[in-house]
Amino acid sequence: MRRIFYITALVLLGCMLLAGTYLARDKVRIGTEGAYPPFNYMDAQGNLKGFDIDIAKALCEAANLECEFVTQSWDGIIPALLARDYDAIIASMSITEERKRRVDFTEKYYQTPARFVKHKDRDIEISKDALEGLSVGVQRATVSANFINDNFDDVLTIRSYATQEEANMDMVSGRVDLLFADAVVLQTGFLDSEAGQNYEFVGPSYTDEEWFGEGIGIALRQGDDDLRETFNQAIQDIREDGTYQEINDRYFDFDVYGDE
């Protein structure tokens, strides 16, 4: 009788643990930066907005997940994931080999190139000889910063910033000669603004996989395969049912997803 009691108790305990795991998976905390328009930013009322945020909400709805957002500065966004401050990062993070050594990624949910920006009155050519002695503003700990450091640190003075908005402000104040970042972020977050009216793109688009990776994906802790596959399925679902296109069209007049 005692043996039957213990077996029954163990079975019930197992069911409770499984239920707890299931319920925990039903609620997912998402880390984002909140300072990278138009992908993620805070509006005047302090609410998170942007393409990343709308995509995250759509993915959570498609996967029947209850999601909450946690804002985190970019410099600490991966360490905070590893410290379990949240379960996933949806913050325009490029899928690179370097980051794959620390975190796992879903499939991409968009892909855009990086470009330089200059003042319209400046005659600047993007070549090693022409850039000698000039300065460039980049957001630190980004793929754009890595690219500039690896390819132009011998000719450019590189100024790093905590956010892209800080780099943009220093461009307007004349503290840097160039900006380098994601082309969409520069277009919608700077060139389309009143402050950016006197500036323009210069030089080619950069998509080199060595630095810019395989696109933008959702980062998760290594081994969290269930959540990764849940998000992968949700990405496929919103691509197929038109939700992705609807969100895309709120922000862009082109397909931000890139090549299939």
C-alpha atoms as a PDB file:
ATOM      1  CA  MET A   1       0.000   0.000   0.000  1.00  0.00           C
ATOM      2  CA  ARG A   2       2.808   2.363   0.934  1.00  0.00           C
ATOM      3  CA  ARG A   3       4.560   1.487  -2.331  1.00  0.00           C
ATOM      4  CA  ILE A   4       1.426   2.320  -4.309  1.00  0.00           C
ATOM      5  CA  PHE A   5       1.181   5.638  -2.437  1.00  0.00           C
ATOM      6  CA  TYR A   6       4.772   6.565  -3.292  1.00  0.00           C
ATOM      7  CA  ILE A   7       4.328   5.612  -6.958  1.00  0.00           C
ATOM      8  CA  THR A   8       1.132   7.639  -7.183  1.00  0.00           C
ATOM      9  CA  ALA A   9       2.849  10.605  -5.520  1.00  0.00           C
ATOM     10  CA  LEU A  10       5.765  10.424  -7.957  1.00  0.00           C
ATOM     11  CA  VAL A  11       3.411  10.295 -10.935  1.00  0.00           C
ATOM     12  CA  LEU A  12       1.501  13.333  -9.646  1.00  0.00           C
ATOM     13  CA  LEU A  13       4.753  15.187  -9.004  1.00  0.00           C
ATOM     14  CA  GLY A  14       5.926  14.401 -12.518  1.00  0.00           C
ATOM     15  CA  CYS A  15       2.680  15.706 -13.972  1.00  0.00           C
ATOM     16  CA  MET A  16       2.971  18.887 -11.923  1.00  0.00           C
ATOM     17  CA  LEU A  17       6.525  19.456 -13.115  1.00  0.00           C
ATOM     18  CA  LEU A  18       5.531  18.905 -16.718  1.00  0.00           C
ATOM     19  CA  ALA A  19       2.622  21.265 -16.305  1.00  0.00           C
ATOM     20  CA  GLY A  20       4.892  23.848 -14.756  1.00  0.00           C
ATOM     21  CA  THR A  21       7.310  23.562 -17.656  1.00  0.00           C
ATOM     22  CA  TYR A  22       4.477  23.908 -20.136  1.00  0.00           C
ATOM     23  CA  LEU A  23       3.043  26.969 -18.411  1.00  0.00           C
ATOM     24  CA  ALA A  24       6.494  28.548 -18.200  1.00  0.00           C
ATOM     25  CA  ARG A  25       6.864  28.061 -21.946  1.00  0.00           C
ATOM     26  CA  ASP A  26       3.481  29.705 -22.492  1.00  0.00           C
ATOM     27  CA  LYS A  27       4.942  32.981 -21.194  1.00  0.00           C
ATOM     28  CA  VAL A  28       8.029  34.347 -22.921  1.00  0.00           C
ATOM     29  CA  ARG A  29      10.065  37.419 -22.012  1.00  0.00           C
ATOM     30  CA  ILE A  30      11.529  39.262 -24.986  1.00  0.00           C
ATOM     31  CA  GLY A  31      14.551  41.536 -24.717  1.00  0.00           C
ATOM     32  CA  THR A  32      14.834  44.530 -27.049  1.00  0.00           C
ATOM     33  CA  GLU A  33      16.796  47.776 -27.156  1.00  0.00           C
ATOM     34  CA  GLY A  34      14.152  50.451 -27.686  1.00  0.00           C
ATOM     35  CA  ALA A  35      16.615  52.868 -29.317  1.00  0.00           C
ATOM     36  CA  TYR A  36      16.897  51.697 -32.934  1.00  0.00           C
ATOM     37  CA  PRO A  37      14.120  53.286 -35.034  1.00  0.00           C
ATOM     38  CA  PRO A  38      12.241  52.260 -37.089  1.00  0.00           C
ATOM     39  CA  PHE A  39      12.870  48.730 -35.827  1.00  0.00           C
ATOM     40  CA  ASN A  40      12.515  49.313 -32.085  1.00  0.00           C
ATOM     41  CA  TYR A  41      12.096  52.585 -30.183  1.00  0.00           C
ATOM     42  CA  MET A  42      10.142  54.336 -27.428  1.00  0.00           C
ATOM     43  CA  ASP A  43       7.349  56.715 -28.410  1.00  0.00           C
ATOM     44  CA  ALA A  44       6.520  59.969 -26.611  1.00  0.00           C
ATOM     45  CA  GLN A  45       4.395  58.060 -24.097  1.00  0.00           C
ATOM     46  CA  GLY A  46       7.199  55.629 -23.290  1.00  0.00           C
ATOM     47  CA  ASN A  47       5.687  52.710 -25.235  1.00  0.00           C
ATOM     48  CA  LEU A  48       7.784  50.317 -27.293  1.00  0.00           C
ATOM     49  CA  LYS A  49       7.120  50.670 -31.014  1.00  0.00           C
ATOM     50  CA  GLY A  50       8.670  49.586 -34.296  1.00  0.00           C
ATOM     51  CA  PHE A  51       8.971  46.779 -36.813  1.00  0.00           C
ATOM     52  CA  ASP A  52      10.733  44.426 -34.370  1.00  0.00           C
ATOM     53  CA  ILE A  53       8.008  44.981 -31.791  1.00  0.00           C
ATOM     54  CA  ASP A  54       5.132  44.411 -34.216  1.00  0.00           C
ATOM     55  CA  ILE A  55       6.813  41.292 -35.599  1.00  0.00           C
ATOM     56  CA  ALA A  56       7.404  39.981 -32.068  1.00  0.00           C
ATOM     57  CA  LYS A  57       3.749  40.486 -31.163  1.00  0.00           C
ATOM     58  CA  ALA A  58       2.637  38.748 -34.353  1.00  0.00           C
ATOM     59  CA  LEU A  59       4.963  35.804 -33.708  1.00  0.00           C
ATOM     60  CA  CYS A  60       3.704  35.436 -30.154  1.00  0.00           C
ATOM     61  CA  GLU A  61       0.092  35.499 -31.349  1.00  0.00           C
ATOM     62  CA  ALA A  62       0.804  32.924 -34.069  1.00  0.00           C
ATOM     63  CA  ALA A  63       2.513  30.646 -31.530  1.00  0.00           C
ATOM     64  CA  ASN A  64      -0.139  31.192 -28.803  1.00  0.00           C
ATOM     65  CA  LEU A  65       2.497  32.609 -26.470  1.00  0.00           C
ATOM     66  CA  GLU A  66       1.987  35.284 -23.853  1.00  0.00           C
ATOM     67  CA  CYS A  67       4.905  37.671 -24.352  1.00  0.00           C
ATOM     68  CA  GLU A  68       6.230  40.592 -22.349  1.00  0.00           C
ATOM     69  CA  PHE A  69       9.023  42.979 -23.341  1.00  0.00           C
ATOM     70  CA  VAL A  70      12.142  43.936 -21.408  1.00  0.00           C
ATOM     71  CA  THR A  71      14.263  46.882 -22.575  1.00  0.00           C
ATOM     72  CA  GLN A  72      18.022  46.507 -22.349  1.00  0.00           C
ATOM     73  CA  SER A  73      20.942  48.598 -23.610  1.00  0.00           C
ATOM     74  CA  TRP A  74      22.607  47.071 -26.651  1.00  0.00           C
ATOM     75  CA  ASP A  75      25.982  46.551 -24.998  1.00  0.00           C
ATOM     76  CA  GLY A  76      24.473  44.202 -22.430  1.00  0.00           C
ATOM     77  CA  ILE A  77      21.724  42.592 -24.464  1.00  0.00           C
ATOM     78  CA  ILE A  78      23.391  39.165 -24.903  1.00  0.00           C
ATOM     79  CA  PRO A  79      24.778  38.985 -21.342  1.00  0.00           C
ATOM     80  CA  ALA A  80      21.291  39.717 -20.004  1.00  0.00           C
ATOM     81  CA  LEU A  81      19.849  36.895 -22.122  1.00  0.00           C
ATOM     82  CA  LEU A  82      22.469  34.506 -20.761  1.00  0.00           C
ATOM     83  CA  ALA A  83      21.668  35.724 -17.235  1.00  0.00           C
ATOM     84  CA  ARG A  84      18.014  34.756 -17.882  1.00  0.00           C
ATOM     85  CA  ASP A  85      16.670  38.290 -17.616  1.00  0.00           C
ATOM     86  CA  TYR A  86      14.570  37.297 -20.650  1.00  0.00           C
ATOM     87  CA  ASP A  87      14.158  34.320 -22.970  1.00  0.00           C
ATOM     88  CA  ALA A  88      14.738  35.753 -26.449  1.00  0.00           C
ATOM     89  CA  ILE A  89      16.178  38.834 -28.146  1.00  0.00           C
ATOM     90  CA  ILE A  90      14.113  40.488 -30.886  1.00  0.00           C
ATOM     91  CA  ALA A  91      16.155  43.608 -31.540  1.00  0.00           C
ATOM     92  CA  SER A  92      17.472  43.578 -35.121  1.00  0.00           C
ATOM     93  CA  MET A  93      20.382  41.308 -34.210  1.00  0.00           C
ATOM     94  CA  SER A  94      22.440  39.980 -37.124  1.00  0.00           C
ATOM     95  CA  ILE A  95      23.091  36.246 -37.277  1.00  0.00           C
ATOM     96  CA  THR A  96      26.883  36.006 -37.253  1.00  0.00           C
ATOM     97  CA  GLU A  97      29.351  33.210 -36.570  1.00  0.00           C
ATOM     98  CA  GLU A  98      30.837  35.158 -33.656  1.00  0.00           C
ATOM     99  CA  ARG A  99      27.449  35.465 -31.938  1.00  0.00           C
ATOM    100  CA  LYS A 100      26.603  31.823 -32.683  1.00  0.00           C
ATOM    101  CA  ARG A 101      29.391  30.861 -30.299  1.00  0.00           C
ATOM    102  CA  ARG A 102      27.330  32.385 -27.462  1.00  0.00           C
ATOM    103  CA  VAL A 103      23.684  32.097 -28.508  1.00  0.00           C
ATOM    104  CA  ASP A 104      21.402  30.212 -30.894  1.00  0.00           C
ATOM    105  CA  PHE A 105      19.365  31.896 -33.605  1.00  0.00           C
ATOM    106  CA  THR A 106      16.108  31.326 -35.427  1.00  0.00           C
ATOM    107  CA  GLU A 107      15.895  31.707 -39.168  1.00  0.00           C
ATOM    108  CA  LYS A 108      16.093  35.313 -40.356  1.00  0.00           C
ATOM    109  CA  TYR A 109      13.051  37.567 -40.223  1.00  0.00           C
ATOM    110  CA  TYR A 110      14.584  40.361 -42.320  1.00  0.00           C
ATOM    111  CA  GLN A 111      17.808  41.351 -44.092  1.00  0.00           C
ATOM    112  CA  THR A 112      19.031  44.792 -45.151  1.00  0.00           C
ATOM    113  CA  PRO A 113      22.437  46.226 -46.209  1.00  0.00           C
ATOM    114  CA  ALA A 114      24.692  48.751 -44.451  1.00  0.00           C
ATOM    115  CA  ARG A 115      25.809  52.060 -45.989  1.00  0.00           C
ATOM    116  CA  PHE A 116      27.725  55.281 -45.377  1.00  0.00           C
ATOM    117  CA  VAL A 117      26.050  58.691 -45.017  1.00  0.00           C
ATOM    118  CA  LYS A 118      27.688  62.081 -45.639  1.00  0.00           C
ATOM    119  CA  HIS A 119      26.670  65.737 -45.780  1.00  0.00           C
ATOM    120  CA  LYS A 120      25.338  66.712 -49.211  1.00  0.00           C
ATOM    121  CA  ASP A 121      27.857  69.553 -49.484  1.00  0.00           C
ATOM    122  CA  ARG A 122      30.831  67.278 -48.822  1.00  0.00           C
ATOM    123  CA  ASP A 123      32.598  65.653 -51.784  1.00  0.00           C
ATOM    124  CA  ILE A 124      33.558  62.337 -50.188  1.00  0.00           C
ATOM    125  CA  GLU A 125      34.469  59.195 -52.095  1.00  0.00           C
ATOM    126  CA  ILE A 126      34.394  55.799 -50.365  1.00  0.00           C
ATOM    127  CA  SER A 127      37.915  54.534 -50.956  1.00  0.00           C
ATOM    128  CA  LYS A 128      40.918  54.040 -48.727  1.00  0.00           C
ATOM    129  CA  ASP A 129      42.794  57.007 -50.196  1.00  0.00           C
ATOM    130  CA  ALA A 130      39.833  59.403 -50.082  1.00  0.00           C
ATOM    131  CA  LEU A 131      38.880  58.526 -46.501  1.00  0.00           C
ATOM    132  CA  GLU A 132      42.317  59.145 -45.023  1.00  0.00           C
ATOM    133  CA  GLY A 133      42.011  61.461 -42.012  1.00  0.00           C
ATOM    134  CA  LEU A 134      38.200  61.509 -41.864  1.00  0.00           C
ATOM    135  CA  SER A 135      36.021  60.270 -39.001  1.00  0.00           C
ATOM    136  CA  VAL A 136      33.016  57.937 -38.900  1.00  0.00           C
ATOM    137  CA  GLY A 137      30.324  57.397 -36.281  1.00  0.00           C
ATOM    138  CA  VAL A 138      29.106  53.854 -35.547  1.00  0.00           C
ATOM    139  CA  GLN A 139      27.050  52.192 -32.836  1.00  0.00           C
ATOM    140  CA  ARG A 140      29.386  50.068 -30.768  1.00  0.00           C
ATOM    141  CA  ALA A 141      29.012  46.286 -30.436  1.00  0.00           C
ATOM    142  CA  THR A 142      27.260  46.088 -33.823  1.00  0.00           C
ATOM    143  CA  VAL A 143      28.139  44.297 -37.059  1.00  0.00           C
ATOM    144  CA  SER A 144      28.575  47.727 -38.666  1.00  0.00           C
ATOM    145  CA  ALA A 145      31.198  48.634 -36.069  1.00  0.00           C
ATOM    146  CA  ASN A 146      32.975  45.320 -36.647  1.00  0.00           C
ATOM    147  CA  PHE A 147      33.034  45.921 -40.395  1.00  0.00           C
ATOM    148  CA  ILE A 148      34.451  49.432 -40.034  1.00  0.00           C
ATOM    149  CA  ASN A 149      37.069  48.337 -37.504  1.00  0.00           C
ATOM    150  CA  ASP A 150      38.196  45.441 -39.692  1.00  0.00           C
ATOM    151  CA  ASN A 151      38.256  47.330 -42.988  1.00  0.00           C
ATOM    152  CA  PHE A 152      38.832  51.049 -42.353  1.00  0.00           C
ATOM    153  CA  ASP A 153      40.556  51.497 -38.995  1.00  0.00           C
ATOM    154  CA  ASP A 154      43.840  52.270 -40.770  1.00  0.00           C
ATOM    155  CA  VAL A 155      42.404  55.363 -42.493  1.00  0.00           C
ATOM    156  CA  LEU A 156      39.334  56.480 -40.527  1.00  0.00           C
ATOM    157  CA  THR A 157      39.043  57.811 -36.989  1.00  0.00           C
ATOM    158  CA  ILE A 158      36.273  55.609 -35.565  1.00  0.00           C
ATOM    159  CA  ARG A 159      33.945  57.111 -32.979  1.00  0.00           C
ATOM    160  CA  SER A 160      31.690  54.619 -31.191  1.00  0.00           C
ATOM    161  CA  TYR A 161      28.331  55.400 -29.586  1.00  0.00           C
ATOM    162  CA  ALA A 162      25.938  53.601 -27.278  1.00  0.00           C
ATOM    163  CA  THR A 163      23.020  54.208 -29.667  1.00  0.00           C
ATOM    164  CA  GLN A 164      22.620  55.080 -33.335  1.00  0.00           C
ATOM    165  CA  GLU A 165      20.708  58.218 -32.367  1.00  0.00           C
ATOM    166  CA  GLU A 166      23.775  59.520 -30.501  1.00  0.00           C
ATOM    167  CA  ALA A 167      25.895  58.964 -33.613  1.00  0.00           C
ATOM    168  CA  ASN A 168      23.317  60.809 -35.735  1.00  0.00           C
ATOM    169  CA  MET A 169      23.370  63.804 -33.352  1.00  0.00           C
ATOM    170  CA  ASP A 170      27.166  64.015 -33.545  1.00  0.00           C
ATOM    171  CA  MET A 171      26.928  63.952 -37.344  1.00  0.00           C
ATOM    172  CA  VAL A 172      24.612  66.974 -37.272  1.00  0.00           C
ATOM    173  CA  SER A 173      26.876  68.780 -34.791  1.00  0.00           C
ATOM    174  CA  GLY A 174      29.882  68.189 -37.068  1.00  0.00           C
ATOM    175  CA  ARG A 175      31.829  65.884 -34.761  1.00  0.00           C
ATOM    176  CA  VAL A 176      32.031  63.133 -37.403  1.00  0.00           C
ATOM    177  CA  ASP A 177      32.357  63.245 -41.188  1.00  0.00           C
ATOM    178  CA  LEU A 178      30.446  60.034 -41.921  1.00  0.00           C
ATOM    179  CA  LEU A 179      27.932  57.626 -40.433  1.00  0.00           C
ATOM    180  CA  PHE A 180      27.883  53.899 -41.091  1.00  0.00           C
ATOM    181  CA  ALA A 181      24.929  51.710 -40.174  1.00  0.00           C
ATOM    182  CA  ASP A 182      22.015  49.700 -41.515  1.00  0.00           C
ATOM    183  CA  ALA A 183      20.659  51.541 -44.565  1.00  0.00           C
ATOM    184  CA  VAL A 184      17.022  51.367 -43.444  1.00  0.00           C
ATOM    185  CA  VAL A 185      17.871  52.670 -39.965  1.00  0.00           C
ATOM    186  CA  LEU A 186      19.792  55.566 -41.520  1.00  0.00           C
ATOM    187  CA  GLN A 187      17.039  56.306 -44.031  1.00  0.00           C
ATOM    188  CA  THR A 188      14.025  56.266 -41.747  1.00  0.00           C
ATOM    189  CA  GLY A 189      15.736  57.212 -38.497  1.00  0.00           C
ATOM    190  CA  PHE A 190      17.906  60.019 -39.885  1.00  0.00           C
ATOM    191  CA  LEU A 191      17.670  60.977 -43.563  1.00  0.00           C
ATOM    192  CA  ASP A 192      13.862  61.182 -43.497  1.00  0.00           C
ATOM    193  CA  SER A 193      13.940  63.354 -40.377  1.00  0.00           C
ATOM    194  CA  GLU A 194      14.204  67.129 -40.287  1.00  0.00           C
ATOM    195  CA  ALA A 195      17.720  66.850 -38.862  1.00  0.00           C
ATOM    196  CA  GLY A 196      18.829  64.635 -41.745  1.00  0.00           C
ATOM    197  CA  GLN A 197      17.605  66.720 -44.683  1.00  0.00           C
ATOM    198  CA  ASN A 198      21.115  67.882 -45.618  1.00  0.00           C
ATOM    199  CA  TYR A 199      22.613  64.385 -45.659  1.00  0.00           C
ATOM    200  CA  GLU A 200      22.689  61.528 -48.165  1.00  0.00           C
ATOM    201  CA  PHE A 201      23.995  58.029 -48.815  1.00  0.00           C
ATOM    202  CA  VAL A 202      27.400  57.652 -50.398  1.00  0.00           C
ATOM    203  CA  GLY A 203      29.217  54.608 -51.731  1.00  0.00           C
ATOM    204  CA  PRO A 204      28.023  51.018 -52.166  1.00  0.00           C
ATOM    205  CA  SER A 205      25.723  48.817 -50.101  1.00  0.00           C
ATOM    206  CA  TYR A 206      27.503  46.275 -47.888  1.00  0.00           C
ATOM    207  CA  THR A 207      26.121  42.799 -47.214  1.00  0.00           C
ATOM    208  CA  ASP A 208      29.313  40.755 -46.776  1.00  0.00           C
ATOM    209  CA  GLU A 209      28.269  37.649 -44.813  1.00  0.00           C
ATOM    210  CA  GLU A 210      31.612  37.570 -42.995  1.00  0.00           C
ATOM    211  CA  TRP A 211      30.540  40.689 -41.092  1.00  0.00           C
ATOM    212  CA  PHE A 212      26.804  41.106 -41.652  1.00  0.00           C
ATOM    213  CA  GLY A 213      25.844  37.468 -41.285  1.00  0.00           C
ATOM    214  CA  GLU A 214      22.854  35.622 -42.654  1.00  0.00           C
ATOM    215  CA  GLY A 215      20.238  38.255 -41.885  1.00  0.00           C
ATOM    216  CA  ILE A 216      18.443  39.356 -38.742  1.00  0.00           C
ATOM    217  CA  GLY A 217      17.218  36.632 -36.407  1.00  0.00           C
ATOM    218  CA  ILE A 218      15.870  35.997 -32.932  1.00  0.00           C
ATOM    219  CA  ALA A 219      18.608  35.117 -30.426  1.00  0.00           C
ATOM    220  CA  LEU A 220      18.018  32.525 -27.705  1.00  0.00           C
ATOM    221  CA  ARG A 221      20.081  30.706 -25.134  1.00  0.00           C
ATOM    222  CA  GLN A 222      21.937  27.738 -26.583  1.00  0.00           C
ATOM    223  CA  GLY A 223      19.959  24.535 -26.316  1.00  0.00           C
ATOM    224  CA  ASP A 224      16.536  26.211 -26.114  1.00  0.00           C
ATOM    225  CA  ASP A 225      15.492  24.245 -29.182  1.00  0.00           C
ATOM    226  CA  ASP A 226      11.766  24.113 -28.430  1.00  0.00           C
ATOM    227  CA  LEU A 227      11.439  27.891 -28.323  1.00  0.00           C
ATOM    228  CA  ARG A 228      13.667  28.292 -31.378  1.00  0.00           C
ATOM    229  CA  GLU A 229      11.520  25.901 -33.425  1.00  0.00           C
ATOM    230  CA  THR A 230       8.341  27.535 -32.114  1.00  0.00           C
ATOM    231  CA  PHE A 231       9.540  30.907 -33.391  1.00  0.00           C
ATOM    232  CA  ASN A 232      10.755  29.396 -36.682  1.00  0.00           C
ATOM    233  CA  GLN A 233       7.296  27.966 -37.295  1.00  0.00           C
ATOM    234  CA  ALA A 234       5.692  31.263 -36.355  1.00  0.00           C
ATOM    235  CA  ILE A 235       7.950  33.161 -38.802  1.00  0.00           C
ATOM    236  CA  GLN A 236       6.846  30.785 -41.554  1.00  0.00           C
ATOM    237  CA  ASP A 237       3.187  31.146 -40.526  1.00  0.00           C
ATOM    238  CA  ILE A 238       3.103  34.953 -40.603  1.00  0.00           C
ATOM    239  CA  ARG A 239       4.984  34.967 -43.902  1.00  0.00           C
ATOM    240  CA  GLU A 240       2.365  32.665 -45.425  1.00  0.00           C
ATOM    241  CA  ASP A 241      -0.821  34.219 -44.013  1.00  0.00           C
ATOM    242  CA  GLY A 242      -0.028  37.809 -45.025  1.00  0.00           C
ATOM    243  CA  THR A 243       0.642  39.151 -41.526  1.00  0.00           C
ATOM    244  CA  TYR A 244       4.323  39.764 -42.272  1.00  0.00           C
ATOM    245  CA  GLN A 245       3.523  41.742 -45.427  1.00  0.00           C
ATOM    246  CA  GLU A 246       0.967  43.838 -43.557  1.00  0.00           C
ATOM    247  CA  ILE A 247       3.551  44.761 -40.904  1.00  0.00           C
ATOM    248  CA  ASN A 248       6.209  45.331 -43.576  1.00  0.00           C
ATOM    249  CA  ASP A 249       3.973  47.832 -45.360  1.00  0.00           C
ATOM    250  CA  ARG A 250       3.469  49.891 -42.190  1.00  0.00           C
ATOM    251  CA  TYR A 251       7.142  50.813 -42.259  1.00  0.00           C
ATOM    252  CA  PHE A 252       8.632  50.230 -45.713  1.00  0.00           C
ATOM    253  CA  ASP A 253       7.793  50.586 -49.394  1.00  0.00           C
ATOM    254  CA  PHE A 254       9.918  47.525 -50.235  1.00  0.00           C
ATOM    255  CA  ASP A 255      10.219  43.942 -48.975  1.00  0.00           C
ATOM    256  CA  VAL A 256      12.519  44.181 -45.950  1.00  0.00           C
ATOM    257  CA  TYR A 257      12.739  40.369 -45.764  1.00  0.00           C
ATOM    258  CA  GLY A 258      15.280  40.317 -48.612  1.00  0.00           C
ATOM    259  CA  ASP A 259      16.030  37.299 -50.795  1.00  0.00           C
ATOM    260  CA  GLU A 260      14.391  33.994 -49.935  1.00  0.00           C
END
